[in-house]
Amino acid sequence: MSISEQQPTATAYWTVGPGRGELRREDLPAPGPGEALVRTLFSGISKGTELVVHNAHVPECVAAEMAAPNQEGSFPGPVKFGYLSVGVVEAGPADWQGKTVFCLYPHQDRYLVPVESLTVVPDGVPARRAVLTGTVETAINGLWEAGPRLGDRVAVIGAGLVGGMVAKLLAGFPLGRLQMIDVDPAKRAFAEALGVEFSHPDDALPDCDIVIHCSASQEGLERSLQLAGDDGDVIEMSWYADRKVTVPLGEDFHARRLSIRASQVGVVARARRHRRSNADRLGLAVSLLKDPAFDVFLTGSSSFEELPDAVQHLSEGSLDALCHVIEYPASDSPTPEATR
């Protein structure tokens, strides 16, 4: 009996209204030429973006641009959204079967995609840690946009998942100074785990060559402009969704000739766009995850059946997390790649 006959349907998480999500069953066709059937092992909740979707705050004017690669439905909902999924190929081209893969796919226990959508998880990267691939990719894109140079003074404002990931990657650069800045003093332990100096915004060092802003707050953006040195660059990695933000352009920004540039992972950063593809960027991201230090970003887990409650608890603030991992039921006969 074929895989498709054993499991003709799949279960996926859908946002069905503002603040409401549910698991839904759907048909799962057999793989066609060049397609792979993937059984999910883990997925990750990218809290910032997914809570924007959960709470129906995606602006209508950018709804098309902010759609995830394998999204179904449209904002505000019902919509199947998410992009941090790791699984094992159960059916498809012979040279793909049994491989552990990362895919920019929503939360779903089995799914069918073209093999071009898959990134092979290399040996030495546990499947659970591999859910971070999409966030590492976001951080890489931000650094390609920022272009740090030897001896630079750099500040990262916002010690969340993206800010922490950017700081983690920057810690390996030959910088003159690196500070991770956050209003929450409890984030000091997180910074220490990353090997990065921590500072409260009031105590942060000025005259930075680059400030990377990841706090998604008006106050954080204002402080970014104050900390950037003359002719310095602020790289804006936050997504404010439908919130209105006021920026004091009459102060540091104008007088000291500062630049603010957006970094958004939907396309490769301009500085590398002609020489790197999205697939190249994902391949680089997953290769970096051989470092076990990235496990500090995995801060809790829930079963797939608990996913709707987990998203709601994250939205309410009763569950705190950087990347919250969703664990899927094991197959009756897992492959070796699925269990490593």
Protein backbone atom coordinates (compact mmCIF):
# COMPACT_ATOMS: atom_id res chain seq x y z
CA MET A 1 0.00 0.00 0.00
CA SER A 2 1.42 3.42 -0.92
CA ILE A 3 2.06 6.31 1.46
CA SER A 4 -0.72 8.32 -0.16
CA GLU A 5 -3.20 5.46 0.38
CA GLN A 6 -2.17 5.14 4.03
CA GLN A 7 -2.46 8.90 4.68
CA PRO A 8 -4.81 10.53 2.13
CA THR A 9 -5.24 13.66 4.25
CA ALA A 10 -3.08 16.05 6.24
CA THR A 11 -3.70 18.33 9.21
CA ALA A 12 -2.71 22.00 9.11
CA TYR A 13 -2.94 25.02 11.37
CA TRP A 14 -5.12 27.87 10.08
CA THR A 15 -5.74 31.35 11.43
CA VAL A 16 -9.50 31.62 11.04
CA GLY A 17 -10.14 35.07 12.48
CA PRO A 18 -8.56 37.76 14.65
CA GLY A 19 -7.09 35.95 17.65
CA ARG A 20 -8.41 32.54 16.58
CA GLY A 21 -6.66 29.52 15.12
CA GLU A 22 -7.58 25.87 14.60
CA LEU A 23 -6.33 22.60 13.12
CA ARG A 24 -8.03 21.55 9.89
CA ARG A 25 -7.90 18.36 7.85
CA GLU A 26 -7.32 18.64 4.12
CA ASP A 27 -6.75 16.43 1.09
CA LEU A 28 -3.19 15.39 0.30
CA PRO A 29 -2.64 14.27 -3.31
CA ALA A 30 0.06 11.84 -4.39
CA PRO A 31 3.40 13.38 -5.46
CA GLY A 32 3.73 14.32 -9.12
CA PRO A 33 6.98 14.50 -11.11
CA GLY A 34 9.59 16.52 -9.25
CA GLU A 35 7.48 16.70 -6.08
CA ALA A 36 8.21 15.37 -2.59
CA LEU A 37 5.90 14.25 0.19
CA VAL A 38 7.35 15.49 3.48
CA ARG A 39 6.40 14.24 6.95
CA THR A 40 6.97 17.04 9.46
CA LEU A 41 9.19 16.45 12.48
CA PHE A 42 9.27 19.95 13.96
CA SER A 43 8.09 23.44 13.14
CA GLY A 44 8.89 26.72 14.85
CA ILE A 45 6.67 29.66 15.73
CA SER A 46 8.23 32.90 14.52
CA LYS A 47 6.53 34.88 17.25
CA GLY A 48 6.73 38.44 15.90
CA THR A 49 5.39 37.82 12.40
CA GLU A 50 3.00 35.02 13.29
CA LEU A 51 1.35 37.04 16.05
CA VAL A 52 0.83 39.89 13.58
CA VAL A 53 -1.07 37.38 11.43
CA HIS A 54 -2.86 35.84 14.43
CA ASN A 55 -4.15 39.23 15.52
CA ALA A 56 -5.07 40.37 11.97
CA HIS A 57 -2.63 43.30 11.85
CA VAL A 58 -1.23 42.78 8.34
CA PRO A 59 -1.79 46.03 6.39
CA GLU A 60 -3.93 45.45 3.31
CA CYS A 61 -1.52 47.44 1.12
CA VAL A 62 1.35 44.95 1.68
CA ALA A 63 -0.69 41.76 2.10
CA ALA A 64 0.63 40.27 -1.15
CA GLU A 65 4.26 41.11 -0.37
CA MET A 66 4.06 39.64 3.14
CA ALA A 67 2.54 36.31 2.08
CA ALA A 68 4.66 33.30 3.08
CA PRO A 69 6.09 31.12 0.24
CA ASN A 70 3.58 28.26 0.67
CA GLN A 71 0.74 30.20 2.25
CA GLU A 72 -2.86 29.30 1.48
CA GLY A 73 -5.72 31.71 1.93
CA SER A 74 -5.22 35.44 2.35
CA PHE A 75 -4.98 38.00 5.14
CA PRO A 76 -6.70 38.57 7.47
CA GLY A 77 -8.03 35.02 7.14
CA PRO A 78 -8.74 32.23 6.96
CA VAL A 79 -5.06 31.78 6.16
CA LYS A 80 -2.51 28.97 6.52
CA PHE A 81 0.68 30.76 7.47
CA GLY A 82 4.14 29.84 8.77
CA TYR A 83 7.63 29.24 7.43
CA LEU A 84 9.83 27.24 9.83
CA SER A 85 9.29 23.54 9.06
CA VAL A 86 11.63 20.53 9.21
CA GLY A 87 10.66 17.06 8.07
CA VAL A 88 11.72 13.91 6.30
CA VAL A 89 10.95 13.07 2.66
CA GLU A 90 8.70 10.01 2.55
CA ALA A 91 7.97 9.87 -1.17
CA GLY A 92 9.19 11.52 -4.35
CA PRO A 93 12.38 11.39 -6.43
CA ALA A 94 14.60 8.50 -5.35
CA ASP A 95 17.57 10.70 -4.48
CA TRP A 96 15.43 12.72 -2.06
CA GLN A 97 13.70 9.91 -0.17
CA GLY A 98 14.75 9.65 3.48
CA LYS A 99 16.45 13.04 3.56
CA THR A 100 15.83 15.47 6.40
CA VAL A 101 14.83 18.83 4.92
CA PHE A 102 13.94 22.39 5.86
CA CYS A 103 11.06 24.09 4.07
CA LEU A 104 9.41 27.49 4.25
CA TYR A 105 6.07 25.82 4.90
CA PRO A 106 3.19 26.49 7.34
CA HIS A 107 2.48 24.28 10.36
CA GLN A 108 1.23 21.01 8.81
CA ASP A 109 1.95 17.36 9.60
CA ARG A 110 2.48 16.28 5.96
CA TYR A 111 2.80 18.35 2.82
CA LEU A 112 3.60 18.14 -0.86
CA VAL A 113 6.08 20.55 -2.48
CA PRO A 114 8.43 20.75 -5.47
CA VAL A 115 11.87 19.50 -4.46
CA GLU A 116 13.24 22.94 -5.39
CA SER A 117 11.45 24.24 -2.29
CA LEU A 118 13.50 21.99 0.01
CA THR A 119 16.85 22.61 1.69
CA VAL A 120 18.70 19.49 2.81
CA VAL A 121 19.65 19.56 6.49
CA PRO A 122 23.34 18.55 6.61
CA ASP A 123 24.83 15.96 8.92
CA GLY A 124 25.69 17.52 12.25
CA VAL A 125 22.55 19.68 12.38
CA PRO A 126 19.80 18.14 14.57
CA ALA A 127 16.34 18.33 13.02
CA ARG A 128 14.99 20.29 16.00
CA ARG A 129 17.68 22.97 15.70
CA ALA A 130 17.12 23.16 11.95
CA VAL A 131 13.78 24.97 12.49
CA LEU A 132 15.94 28.06 13.08
CA THR A 133 17.09 28.03 9.44
CA GLY A 134 14.58 30.67 8.38
CA THR A 135 15.57 33.01 11.20
CA VAL A 136 19.29 32.58 10.48
CA GLU A 137 18.44 33.41 6.87
CA THR A 138 16.76 36.63 8.02
CA ALA A 139 19.83 37.58 10.05
CA ILE A 140 22.17 36.83 7.14
CA ASN A 141 20.11 39.08 4.89
CA GLY A 142 20.30 41.88 7.44
CA LEU A 143 24.08 41.58 7.67
CA TRP A 144 24.42 41.54 3.87
CA GLU A 145 22.40 44.76 3.92
CA ALA A 146 24.49 46.31 6.71
CA GLY A 147 27.91 45.29 5.35
CA PRO A 148 29.94 45.49 8.60
CA ARG A 149 33.64 46.24 8.15
CA LEU A 150 36.79 45.41 10.07
CA GLY A 151 36.86 47.29 13.39
CA ASP A 152 33.29 48.62 13.14
CA ARG A 153 31.33 49.71 16.20
CA VAL A 154 27.95 48.00 15.99
CA ALA A 155 24.83 48.03 18.17
CA VAL A 156 21.87 45.64 17.92
CA ILE A 157 18.73 47.02 19.54
CA GLY A 158 16.16 44.43 20.60
CA ALA A 159 17.17 41.12 22.18
CA GLY A 160 14.42 38.99 20.70
CA LEU A 161 14.74 36.11 18.24
CA VAL A 162 15.89 38.18 15.25
CA GLY A 163 18.02 40.62 17.25
CA GLY A 164 19.66 37.77 19.13
CA MET A 165 20.33 35.91 15.89
CA VAL A 166 21.93 38.99 14.33
CA ALA A 167 24.10 39.48 17.42
CA LYS A 168 25.09 35.81 17.41
CA LEU A 169 26.34 36.05 13.82
CA LEU A 170 28.06 39.40 14.44
CA ALA A 171 29.94 37.90 17.39
CA GLY A 172 32.07 36.05 14.85
CA PHE A 173 33.08 39.25 13.00
CA PRO A 174 36.32 41.17 13.75
CA LEU A 175 34.44 44.20 15.09
CA GLY A 176 35.80 46.98 17.23
CA ARG A 177 32.72 46.86 19.47
CA LEU A 178 29.41 45.00 19.64
CA GLN A 179 26.57 45.67 22.05
CA MET A 180 23.13 44.05 22.28
CA ILE A 181 20.68 46.54 23.75
CA ASP A 182 17.34 45.92 25.43
CA VAL A 183 15.13 47.52 28.07
CA ASP A 184 14.68 44.16 29.84
CA PRO A 185 17.60 43.52 32.24
CA ALA A 186 16.76 39.80 32.21
CA LYS A 187 18.11 39.72 28.63
CA ARG A 188 21.64 40.11 30.02
CA ALA A 189 21.88 36.35 30.60
CA PHE A 190 20.79 35.74 26.99
CA ALA A 191 23.49 38.11 25.72
CA GLU A 192 26.10 36.38 27.87
CA ALA A 193 25.08 33.00 26.43
CA LEU A 194 25.73 34.46 22.97
CA GLY A 195 29.07 35.91 24.03
CA VAL A 196 27.87 39.46 23.41
CA GLU A 197 28.08 42.54 25.64
CA PHE A 198 24.68 43.67 26.98
CA SER A 199 23.52 47.21 27.66
CA HIS A 200 20.38 49.02 28.74
CA PRO A 201 19.44 51.72 26.17
CA ASP A 202 20.35 54.48 28.64
CA ASP A 203 23.88 53.12 29.02
CA ALA A 204 24.59 52.15 25.41
CA LEU A 205 27.73 53.52 23.78
CA PRO A 206 27.23 56.12 21.01
CA ASP A 207 29.12 56.86 17.78
CA CYS A 208 28.27 53.52 16.14
CA ASP A 209 29.12 52.83 12.52
CA ILE A 210 26.04 50.59 12.22
CA VAL A 211 22.95 50.23 14.37
CA ILE A 212 20.67 47.27 13.60
CA HIS A 213 17.17 47.83 14.96
CA CYS A 214 15.06 44.78 15.83
CA SER A 215 12.83 45.89 18.73
CA ALA A 216 9.77 46.86 16.63
CA SER A 217 9.27 49.86 18.91
CA GLN A 218 9.22 53.58 18.24
CA GLU A 219 11.49 54.14 21.23
CA GLY A 220 14.03 51.64 19.88
CA LEU A 221 14.14 53.36 16.50
CA GLU A 222 14.60 56.76 18.16
CA ARG A 223 17.50 55.39 20.22
CA SER A 224 19.01 53.85 17.07
CA LEU A 225 19.23 57.31 15.50
CA GLN A 226 20.86 58.69 18.64
CA LEU A 227 23.48 55.92 18.81
CA ALA A 228 24.51 56.04 15.15
CA GLY A 229 27.59 58.14 14.50
CA ASP A 230 27.76 60.92 11.91
CA ASP A 231 26.94 59.56 8.45
CA GLY A 232 26.14 56.20 10.13
CA ASP A 233 23.65 53.56 9.01
CA VAL A 234 20.54 52.30 10.78
CA ILE A 235 19.33 48.96 9.40
CA GLU A 236 15.65 48.55 10.22
CA MET A 237 14.73 44.87 10.58
CA SER A 238 11.50 45.41 12.53
CA TRP A 239 8.05 44.98 11.03
CA TYR A 240 5.54 47.39 12.58
CA ALA A 241 2.60 45.94 10.62
CA ASP A 242 -0.37 48.33 10.93
CA ARG A 243 1.08 50.39 13.79
CA LYS A 244 1.91 54.05 13.14
CA VAL A 245 5.43 55.09 14.17
CA THR A 246 6.71 58.63 14.65
CA VAL A 247 10.41 59.21 13.93
CA PRO A 248 12.19 62.42 15.04
CA LEU A 249 13.71 63.23 11.65
CA GLY A 250 14.40 66.82 12.70
CA GLU A 251 16.99 65.74 15.27
CA ASP A 252 19.94 63.35 14.75
CA PHE A 253 18.72 62.00 11.42
CA HIS A 254 18.93 65.27 9.49
CA ALA A 255 21.68 67.09 11.35
CA ARG A 256 24.13 64.18 11.26
CA ARG A 257 23.26 62.85 7.78
CA LEU A 258 22.14 59.42 8.93
CA SER A 259 20.69 56.68 6.71
CA ILE A 260 17.82 54.29 7.51
CA ARG A 261 17.52 51.19 5.31
CA ALA A 262 14.94 48.46 5.55
CA SER A 263 15.95 44.80 5.49
CA GLN A 264 13.25 42.31 4.59
CA VAL A 265 13.97 38.67 3.87
CA GLY A 266 11.54 38.26 0.96
CA VAL A 267 14.32 39.11 -1.48
CA VAL A 268 18.09 38.80 -1.20
CA ALA A 269 19.74 42.00 0.05
CA ARG A 270 20.73 44.35 -2.76
CA ALA A 271 24.46 43.99 -2.05
CA ARG A 272 24.31 40.24 -2.88
CA ARG A 273 21.19 39.95 -5.07
CA HIS A 274 23.05 39.43 -8.35
CA ARG A 275 25.38 36.73 -6.98
CA ARG A 276 23.27 34.83 -4.42
CA SER A 277 19.87 33.17 -4.80
CA ASN A 278 17.33 32.53 -2.07
CA ALA A 279 18.42 28.87 -2.17
CA ASP A 280 22.07 29.90 -1.67
CA ARG A 281 21.06 31.99 1.33
CA LEU A 282 19.08 29.13 2.89
CA GLY A 283 21.93 26.69 2.29
CA LEU A 284 24.34 29.02 4.09
CA ALA A 285 21.88 29.48 6.95
CA VAL A 286 21.36 25.77 7.65
CA SER A 287 25.12 25.09 7.45
CA LEU A 288 25.76 27.56 10.28
CA LEU A 289 23.45 25.58 12.57
CA LYS A 290 26.12 22.94 13.19
CA ASP A 291 27.10 25.18 16.11
CA PRO A 292 25.24 23.92 19.24
CA ALA A 293 25.30 27.45 20.66
CA PHE A 294 22.18 28.13 18.57
CA ASP A 295 20.17 25.89 20.91
CA VAL A 296 19.77 28.89 23.24
CA PHE A 297 17.13 30.19 20.80
CA LEU A 298 14.90 27.11 21.27
CA THR A 299 12.87 28.06 24.33
CA GLY A 300 10.10 25.56 24.89
CA SER A 301 7.92 23.16 22.96
CA SER A 302 4.35 21.96 22.51
CA SER A 303 2.78 19.07 20.67
CA PHE A 304 1.14 19.70 17.31
CA GLU A 305 -2.28 19.15 18.89
CA GLU A 306 -1.49 21.97 21.34
CA LEU A 307 -0.50 24.44 18.63
CA PRO A 308 -3.69 26.58 18.68
CA ASP A 309 -3.36 27.02 22.44
CA ALA A 310 0.36 27.75 22.18
CA VAL A 311 -0.22 30.56 19.67
CA GLN A 312 -2.95 32.02 21.86
CA HIS A 313 -0.75 31.88 24.97
CA LEU A 314 2.06 33.62 23.08
CA SER A 315 -0.39 36.29 21.98
CA GLU A 316 -1.65 36.83 25.53
CA GLY A 317 1.88 36.97 26.93
CA SER A 318 1.29 34.02 29.26
CA LEU A 319 3.90 32.03 27.30
CA ASP A 320 7.28 33.63 26.71
CA ALA A 321 9.57 32.33 23.98
CA LEU A 322 12.20 33.15 21.41
CA CYS A 323 11.45 30.24 19.07
CA HIS A 324 8.73 27.94 20.40
CA VAL A 325 9.06 24.47 18.84
CA ILE A 326 6.10 22.36 17.74
CA GLU A 327 6.67 18.60 17.90
CA TYR A 328 4.82 16.31 15.51
CA PRO A 329 3.76 12.69 16.10
CA ALA A 330 6.45 10.15 15.21
CA SER A 331 5.99 7.75 12.32
CA ASP A 332 5.60 4.06 13.08
CA SER A 333 8.86 3.43 11.22
CA PRO A 334 11.07 6.54 11.24
CA THR A 335 14.05 6.74 8.99
CA PRO A 336 17.55 7.22 10.46
CA GLU A 337 17.66 10.78 9.13
CA ALA A 338 14.40 11.60 10.92
CA THR A 339 15.78 10.69 14.33
CA ARG A 340 19.21 12.26 14.24
